PDB file of all heavy atoms in Angstrom:
ATOM      1  N   VAL A   1     -14.005   1.855  11.471  1.00  0.00           N
ATOM      2  CA  VAL A   1     -13.089   2.835  10.873  1.00  0.00           C
ATOM      3  C   VAL A   1     -11.672   2.263  10.828  1.00  0.00           C
ATOM      4  O   VAL A   1     -10.982   2.332   9.807  1.00  0.00           O
ATOM      5  CB  VAL A   1     -13.138   4.164  11.660  1.00  0.00           C
ATOM      6  CG1 VAL A   1     -12.060   5.125  11.180  1.00  0.00           C
ATOM      7  CG2 VAL A   1     -14.522   4.787  11.563  1.00  0.00           C
ATOM      8  N   TYR A   2     -11.233   1.665  11.930  1.00  0.00           N
ATOM      9  CA  TYR A   2      -9.888   1.099  12.007  1.00  0.00           C
ATOM     10  C   TYR A   2      -9.681   0.011  10.949  1.00  0.00           C
ATOM     11  O   TYR A   2      -8.685   0.010  10.228  1.00  0.00           O
ATOM     12  CB  TYR A   2      -9.636   0.529  13.410  1.00  0.00           C
ATOM     13  CG  TYR A   2      -8.401  -0.325  13.493  1.00  0.00           C
ATOM     14  CD1 TYR A   2      -7.134   0.253  13.524  1.00  0.00           C
ATOM     15  CD2 TYR A   2      -8.490  -1.714  13.503  1.00  0.00           C
ATOM     16  CE1 TYR A   2      -5.997  -0.533  13.575  1.00  0.00           C
ATOM     17  CE2 TYR A   2      -7.363  -2.506  13.558  1.00  0.00           C
ATOM     18  CZ  TYR A   2      -6.115  -1.910  13.593  1.00  0.00           C
ATOM     19  OH  TYR A   2      -4.993  -2.691  13.633  1.00  0.00           O
ATOM     20  N   VAL A   3     -10.626  -0.914  10.849  1.00  0.00           N
ATOM     21  CA  VAL A   3     -10.503  -2.027   9.896  1.00  0.00           C
ATOM     22  C   VAL A   3     -10.487  -1.496   8.462  1.00  0.00           C
ATOM     23  O   VAL A   3      -9.710  -1.970   7.624  1.00  0.00           O
ATOM     24  CB  VAL A   3     -11.640  -3.053  10.105  1.00  0.00           C
ATOM     25  CG1 VAL A   3     -11.729  -4.041   8.967  1.00  0.00           C
ATOM     26  CG2 VAL A   3     -11.456  -3.766  11.424  1.00  0.00           C
ATOM     27  N   THR A   4     -11.320  -0.520   8.174  1.00  0.00           N
ATOM     28  CA  THR A   4     -11.374   0.039   6.823  1.00  0.00           C
ATOM     29  C   THR A   4     -10.039   0.683   6.448  1.00  0.00           C
ATOM     30  O   THR A   4      -9.502   0.434   5.362  1.00  0.00           O
ATOM     31  CB  THR A   4     -12.515   1.071   6.722  1.00  0.00           C
ATOM     32  OG1 THR A   4     -13.744   0.432   7.062  1.00  0.00           O
ATOM     33  CG2 THR A   4     -12.610   1.648   5.322  1.00  0.00           C
ATOM     34  N   VAL A   5      -9.487   1.475   7.344  1.00  0.00           N
ATOM     35  CA  VAL A   5      -8.207   2.135   7.076  1.00  0.00           C
ATOM     36  C   VAL A   5      -7.083   1.106   6.981  1.00  0.00           C
ATOM     37  O   VAL A   5      -6.249   1.158   6.072  1.00  0.00           O
ATOM     38  CB  VAL A   5      -7.901   3.193   8.156  1.00  0.00           C
ATOM     39  CG1 VAL A   5      -6.479   3.720   8.042  1.00  0.00           C
ATOM     40  CG2 VAL A   5      -8.906   4.328   8.073  1.00  0.00           C
ATOM     41  N   ARG A   6      -7.054   0.141   7.903  1.00  0.00           N
ATOM     42  CA  ARG A   6      -6.016  -0.892   7.880  1.00  0.00           C
ATOM     43  C   ARG A   6      -6.047  -1.677   6.571  1.00  0.00           C
ATOM     44  O   ARG A   6      -5.008  -1.914   5.943  1.00  0.00           O
ATOM     45  CB  ARG A   6      -6.200  -1.855   9.057  1.00  0.00           C
ATOM     46  CG  ARG A   6      -5.088  -2.912   9.135  1.00  0.00           C
ATOM     47  CD  ARG A   6      -5.462  -4.080   9.985  1.00  0.00           C
ATOM     48  NE  ARG A   6      -6.556  -4.805   9.324  1.00  0.00           N
ATOM     49  CZ  ARG A   6      -7.454  -5.525   9.969  1.00  0.00           C
ATOM     50  NH1 ARG A   6      -7.428  -5.625  11.273  1.00  0.00           N
ATOM     51  NH2 ARG A   6      -8.412  -6.151   9.315  1.00  0.00           N
ATOM     52  N   ASP A   7      -7.242  -2.077   6.145  1.00  0.00           N
ATOM     53  CA  ASP A   7      -7.359  -2.848   4.913  1.00  0.00           C
ATOM     54  C   ASP A   7      -6.899  -2.035   3.702  1.00  0.00           C
ATOM     55  O   ASP A   7      -6.249  -2.562   2.803  1.00  0.00           O
ATOM     56  CB  ASP A   7      -8.791  -3.340   4.713  1.00  0.00           C
ATOM     57  CG  ASP A   7      -9.178  -4.429   5.694  1.00  0.00           C
ATOM     58  OD1 ASP A   7      -8.277  -4.972   6.376  1.00  0.00           O
ATOM     59  OD2 ASP A   7     -10.382  -4.736   5.784  1.00  0.00           O
ATOM     60  N   LYS A   8      -7.222  -0.760   3.680  1.00  0.00           N
ATOM     61  CA  LYS A   8      -6.793   0.095   2.567  1.00  0.00           C
ATOM     62  C   LYS A   8      -5.273   0.220   2.555  1.00  0.00           C
ATOM     63  O   LYS A   8      -4.638   0.095   1.504  1.00  0.00           O
ATOM     64  CB  LYS A   8      -7.435   1.471   2.697  1.00  0.00           C
ATOM     65  CG  LYS A   8      -7.069   2.426   1.584  1.00  0.00           C
ATOM     66  CD  LYS A   8      -7.454   1.916   0.217  1.00  0.00           C
ATOM     67  CE  LYS A   8      -8.879   2.206  -0.107  1.00  0.00           C
ATOM     68  NZ  LYS A   8      -9.256   1.855  -1.474  1.00  0.00           N
ATOM     69  N   LEU A   9      -4.668   0.437   3.711  1.00  0.00           N
ATOM     70  CA  LEU A   9      -3.207   0.557   3.779  1.00  0.00           C
ATOM     71  C   LEU A   9      -2.517  -0.750   3.399  1.00  0.00           C
ATOM     72  O   LEU A   9      -1.510  -0.739   2.685  1.00  0.00           O
ATOM     73  CB  LEU A   9      -2.777   0.998   5.182  1.00  0.00           C
ATOM     74  CG  LEU A   9      -3.144   2.427   5.565  1.00  0.00           C
ATOM     75  CD1 LEU A   9      -2.802   2.683   7.027  1.00  0.00           C
ATOM     76  CD2 LEU A   9      -2.448   3.428   4.666  1.00  0.00           C
ATOM     77  N   GLU A  10      -3.049  -1.873   3.870  1.00  0.00           N
ATOM     78  CA  GLU A  10      -2.463  -3.162   3.501  1.00  0.00           C
ATOM     79  C   GLU A  10      -2.574  -3.402   1.997  1.00  0.00           C
ATOM     80  O   GLU A  10      -1.674  -3.949   1.382  1.00  0.00           O
ATOM     81  CB  GLU A  10      -3.136  -4.298   4.266  1.00  0.00           C
ATOM     82  CG  GLU A  10      -2.701  -4.390   5.705  1.00  0.00           C
ATOM     83  CD  GLU A  10      -3.392  -5.517   6.453  1.00  0.00           C
ATOM     84  OE1 GLU A  10      -4.293  -6.169   5.878  1.00  0.00           O
ATOM     85  OE2 GLU A  10      -3.034  -5.738   7.614  1.00  0.00           O
ATOM     86  N   GLY A  11      -3.663  -2.989   1.400  1.00  0.00           N
ATOM     87  CA  GLY A  11      -3.834  -3.139  -0.043  1.00  0.00           C
ATOM     88  C   GLY A  11      -2.801  -2.355  -0.824  1.00  0.00           C
ATOM     89  O   GLY A  11      -2.325  -2.793  -1.872  1.00  0.00           O
ATOM     90  N   TRP A  12      -2.432  -1.203  -0.312  1.00  0.00           N
ATOM     91  CA  TRP A  12      -1.414  -0.404  -0.982  1.00  0.00           C
ATOM     92  C   TRP A  12      -0.050  -1.071  -0.926  1.00  0.00           C
ATOM     93  O   TRP A  12       0.777  -0.871  -1.800  1.00  0.00           O
ATOM     94  CB  TRP A  12      -1.322   0.974  -0.353  1.00  0.00           C
ATOM     95  CG  TRP A  12      -2.450   1.881  -0.710  1.00  0.00           C
ATOM     96  CD1 TRP A  12      -3.360   1.724  -1.712  1.00  0.00           C
ATOM     97  CD2 TRP A  12      -2.781   3.089  -0.055  1.00  0.00           C
ATOM     98  NE1 TRP A  12      -4.246   2.765  -1.714  1.00  0.00           N
ATOM     99  CE2 TRP A  12      -3.911   3.623  -0.709  1.00  0.00           C
ATOM    100  CE3 TRP A  12      -2.249   3.777   1.014  1.00  0.00           C
ATOM    101  CZ2 TRP A  12      -4.498   4.812  -0.321  1.00  0.00           C
ATOM    102  CZ3 TRP A  12      -2.843   4.968   1.393  1.00  0.00           C
ATOM    103  CH2 TRP A  12      -3.956   5.476   0.737  1.00  0.00           C
ATOM    104  N   TRP A  13       0.207  -1.857   0.126  1.00  0.00           N
ATOM    105  CA  TRP A  13       1.522  -2.467   0.279  1.00  0.00           C
ATOM    106  C   TRP A  13       1.628  -3.862  -0.307  1.00  0.00           C
ATOM    107  O   TRP A  13       2.695  -4.441  -0.347  1.00  0.00           O
ATOM    108  CB  TRP A  13       1.933  -2.496   1.758  1.00  0.00           C
ATOM    109  CG  TRP A  13       2.300  -1.131   2.203  1.00  0.00           C
ATOM    110  CD1 TRP A  13       1.559  -0.330   3.002  1.00  0.00           C
ATOM    111  CD2 TRP A  13       3.474  -0.384   1.868  1.00  0.00           C
ATOM    112  NE1 TRP A  13       2.193   0.875   3.174  1.00  0.00           N
ATOM    113  CE2 TRP A  13       3.366   0.871   2.495  1.00  0.00           C
ATOM    114  CE3 TRP A  13       4.590  -0.645   1.087  1.00  0.00           C
ATOM    115  CZ2 TRP A  13       4.340   1.848   2.368  1.00  0.00           C
ATOM    116  CZ3 TRP A  13       5.560   0.335   0.961  1.00  0.00           C
ATOM    117  CH2 TRP A  13       5.426   1.558   1.596  1.00  0.00           C
ATOM    118  N   LEU A  14       0.530  -4.415  -0.782  1.00  0.00           N
ATOM    119  CA  LEU A  14       0.584  -5.729  -1.415  1.00  0.00           C
ATOM    120  C   LEU A  14       1.347  -5.640  -2.738  1.00  0.00           C
ATOM    121  O   LEU A  14       1.427  -4.573  -3.343  1.00  0.00           O
ATOM    122  CB  LEU A  14      -0.830  -6.252  -1.672  1.00  0.00           C
ATOM    123  CG  LEU A  14      -1.618  -6.655  -0.430  1.00  0.00           C
ATOM    124  CD1 LEU A  14      -3.041  -7.033  -0.831  1.00  0.00           C
ATOM    125  CD2 LEU A  14      -0.953  -7.807   0.280  1.00  0.00           C
ATOM    126  N   PRO A  15       1.902  -6.748  -3.195  1.00  0.00           N
ATOM    127  CA  PRO A  15       2.596  -6.715  -4.491  1.00  0.00           C
ATOM    128  C   PRO A  15       1.674  -6.165  -5.570  1.00  0.00           C
ATOM    129  O   PRO A  15       0.517  -6.566  -5.691  1.00  0.00           O
ATOM    130  CB  PRO A  15       2.933  -8.177  -4.758  1.00  0.00           C
ATOM    131  CG  PRO A  15       2.982  -8.804  -3.407  1.00  0.00           C
ATOM    132  CD  PRO A  15       1.968  -8.060  -2.575  1.00  0.00           C
ATOM    133  N   GLY A  16       2.206  -5.232  -6.344  1.00  0.00           N
ATOM    134  CA  GLY A  16       1.398  -4.603  -7.380  1.00  0.00           C
ATOM    135  C   GLY A  16       0.659  -3.378  -6.875  1.00  0.00           C
ATOM    136  O   GLY A  16       0.031  -2.678  -7.652  1.00  0.00           O
ATOM    137  N   GLY A  17       0.720  -3.124  -5.571  1.00  0.00           N
ATOM    138  CA  GLY A  17       0.058  -1.951  -5.010  1.00  0.00           C
ATOM    139  C   GLY A  17       0.800  -0.678  -5.383  1.00  0.00           C
ATOM    140  O   GLY A  17       2.006  -0.685  -5.619  1.00  0.00           O
ATOM    141  N   GLY A  18       0.098   0.429  -5.446  1.00  0.00           N
ATOM    142  CA  GLY A  18       0.679   1.697  -5.861  1.00  0.00           C
ATOM    143  C   GLY A  18       1.808   2.171  -4.963  1.00  0.00           C
ATOM    144  O   GLY A  18       2.851   2.624  -5.441  1.00  0.00           O
ATOM    145  N   ALA A  19       1.664   2.062  -3.656  1.00  0.00           N
ATOM    146  CA  ALA A  19       2.685   2.553  -2.731  1.00  0.00           C
ATOM    147  C   ALA A  19       3.972   1.758  -2.882  1.00  0.00           C
ATOM    148  O   ALA A  19       5.073   2.322  -2.801  1.00  0.00           O
ATOM    149  CB  ALA A  19       2.178   2.475  -1.298  1.00  0.00           C
ATOM    150  N   ARG A  20       3.869   0.478  -3.122  1.00  0.00           N
ATOM    151  CA  ARG A  20       5.067  -0.353  -3.283  1.00  0.00           C
ATOM    152  C   ARG A  20       5.837   0.063  -4.539  1.00  0.00           C
ATOM    153  O   ARG A  20       7.066   0.147  -4.536  1.00  0.00           O
ATOM    154  CB  ARG A  20       4.680  -1.819  -3.342  1.00  0.00           C
ATOM    155  CG  ARG A  20       5.859  -2.751  -3.335  1.00  0.00           C
ATOM    156  CD  ARG A  20       5.361  -4.194  -3.284  1.00  0.00           C
ATOM    157  NE  ARG A  20       6.431  -5.096  -3.047  1.00  0.00           N
ATOM    158  CZ  ARG A  20       6.864  -5.469  -1.848  1.00  0.00           C
ATOM    159  NH1 ARG A  20       6.297  -4.986  -0.779  1.00  0.00           N
ATOM    160  NH2 ARG A  20       7.860  -6.313  -1.728  1.00  0.00           N
ATOM    161  N   ARG A  21       5.113   0.330  -5.614  1.00  0.00           N
ATOM    162  CA  ARG A  21       5.767   0.762  -6.847  1.00  0.00           C
ATOM    163  C   ARG A  21       6.420   2.121  -6.669  1.00  0.00           C
ATOM    164  O   ARG A  21       7.540   2.338  -7.150  1.00  0.00           O
ATOM    165  CB  ARG A  21       4.764   0.789  -7.992  1.00  0.00           C
ATOM    166  CG  ARG A  21       4.541  -0.601  -8.565  1.00  0.00           C
ATOM    167  CD  ARG A  21       3.610  -0.596  -9.732  1.00  0.00           C
ATOM    168  NE  ARG A  21       2.281  -0.807  -9.149  1.00  0.00           N
ATOM    169  CZ  ARG A  21       1.176  -0.194  -9.535  1.00  0.00           C
ATOM    170  NH1 ARG A  21       1.203   0.681 -10.506  1.00  0.00           N
ATOM    171  NH2 ARG A  21       0.029  -0.443  -8.954  1.00  0.00           N
ATOM    172  N   VAL A  22       5.766   3.017  -5.992  1.00  0.00           N
ATOM    173  CA  VAL A  22       6.352   4.339  -5.729  1.00  0.00           C
ATOM    174  C   VAL A  22       7.627   4.172  -4.922  1.00  0.00           C
ATOM    175  O   VAL A  22       8.653   4.797  -5.219  1.00  0.00           O
ATOM    176  CB  VAL A  22       5.352   5.253  -4.999  1.00  0.00           C
ATOM    177  CG1 VAL A  22       6.029   6.504  -4.473  1.00  0.00           C
ATOM    178  CG2 VAL A  22       4.198   5.608  -5.919  1.00  0.00           C
ATOM    179  N   TRP A  23       7.609   3.331  -3.903  1.00  0.00           N
ATOM    180  CA  TRP A  23       8.794   3.110  -3.065  1.00  0.00           C
ATOM    181  C   TRP A  23       9.943   2.544  -3.915  1.00  0.00           C
ATOM    182  O   TRP A  23      11.094   2.953  -3.767  1.00  0.00           O
ATOM    183  CB  TRP A  23       8.463   2.179  -1.924  1.00  0.00           C
ATOM    184  CG  TRP A  23       9.659   1.836  -1.072  1.00  0.00           C
ATOM    185  CD1 TRP A  23      10.264   0.628  -0.990  1.00  0.00           C
ATOM    186  CD2 TRP A  23      10.393   2.715  -0.237  1.00  0.00           C
ATOM    187  NE1 TRP A  23      11.334   0.695  -0.133  1.00  0.00           N
ATOM    188  CE2 TRP A  23      11.436   1.978   0.349  1.00  0.00           C
ATOM    189  CE3 TRP A  23      10.276   4.072   0.089  1.00  0.00           C
ATOM    190  CZ2 TRP A  23      12.346   2.523   1.226  1.00  0.00           C
ATOM    191  CZ3 TRP A  23      11.192   4.605   0.979  1.00  0.00           C
ATOM    192  CH2 TRP A  23      12.208   3.846   1.531  1.00  0.00           C
ATOM    193  N   GLN A  24       9.654   1.636  -4.812  1.00  0.00           N
ATOM    194  CA  GLN A  24      10.702   1.060  -5.658  1.00  0.00           C
ATOM    195  C   GLN A  24      11.310   2.114  -6.580  1.00  0.00           C
ATOM    196  O   GLN A  24      12.533   2.146  -6.777  1.00  0.00           O
ATOM    197  CB  GLN A  24      10.134  -0.101  -6.477  1.00  0.00           C
ATOM    198  CG  GLN A  24       9.836  -1.315  -5.641  1.00  0.00           C
ATOM    199  CD  GLN A  24       9.095  -2.381  -6.419  1.00  0.00           C
ATOM    200  OE1 GLN A  24       8.598  -2.145  -7.508  1.00  0.00           O
ATOM    201  NE2 GLN A  24       9.014  -3.575  -5.838  1.00  0.00           N
ATOM    202  N   VAL A  25      10.501   2.987  -7.125  1.00  0.00           N
ATOM    203  CA  VAL A  25      11.001   4.051  -7.988  1.00  0.00           C
ATOM    204  C   VAL A  25      11.882   4.999  -7.196  1.00  0.00           C
ATOM    205  O   VAL A  25      12.966   5.388  -7.639  1.00  0.00           O
ATOM    206  CB  VAL A  25       9.842   4.813  -8.651  1.00  0.00           C
ATOM    207  CG1 VAL A  25      10.322   6.082  -9.329  1.00  0.00           C
ATOM    208  CG2 VAL A  25       9.113   3.902  -9.652  1.00  0.00           C
ATOM    209  N   VAL A  26      11.447   5.372  -6.002  1.00  0.00           N
ATOM    210  CA  VAL A  26      12.232   6.282  -5.154  1.00  0.00           C
ATOM    211  C   VAL A  26      13.548   5.629  -4.752  1.00  0.00           C
ATOM    212  O   VAL A  26      14.595   6.265  -4.788  1.00  0.00           O
ATOM    213  CB  VAL A  26      11.422   6.691  -3.904  1.00  0.00           C
ATOM    214  CG1 VAL A  26      12.282   7.409  -2.891  1.00  0.00           C
ATOM    215  CG2 VAL A  26      10.227   7.540  -4.308  1.00  0.00           C
ATOM    216  N   ARG A  27      13.521   4.383  -4.415  1.00  0.00           N
ATOM    217  CA  ARG A  27      14.710   3.677  -3.959  1.00  0.00           C
ATOM    218  C   ARG A  27      15.724   3.466  -5.075  1.00  0.00           C
ATOM    219  O   ARG A  27      16.927   3.565  -4.868  1.00  0.00           O
ATOM    220  CB  ARG A  27      14.305   2.323  -3.381  1.00  0.00           C
ATOM    221  CG  ARG A  27      15.004   2.020  -2.089  1.00  0.00           C
ATOM    222  CD  ARG A  27      14.512   0.774  -1.475  1.00  0.00           C
ATOM    223  NE  ARG A  27      14.768  -0.350  -2.384  1.00  0.00           N
ATOM    224  CZ  ARG A  27      14.352  -1.575  -2.171  1.00  0.00           C
ATOM    225  NH1 ARG A  27      13.645  -1.843  -1.111  1.00  0.00           N
ATOM    226  NH2 ARG A  27      14.618  -2.538  -3.007  1.00  0.00           N
TER     227      ARG A  27
END
């Protein structure tokens, strides 16, 4: 469970990931 969640969160923060783009728009 831990590895699955960690990998998903890291994927969101990689360049081109959705969370990173959202953060850039907010900033």
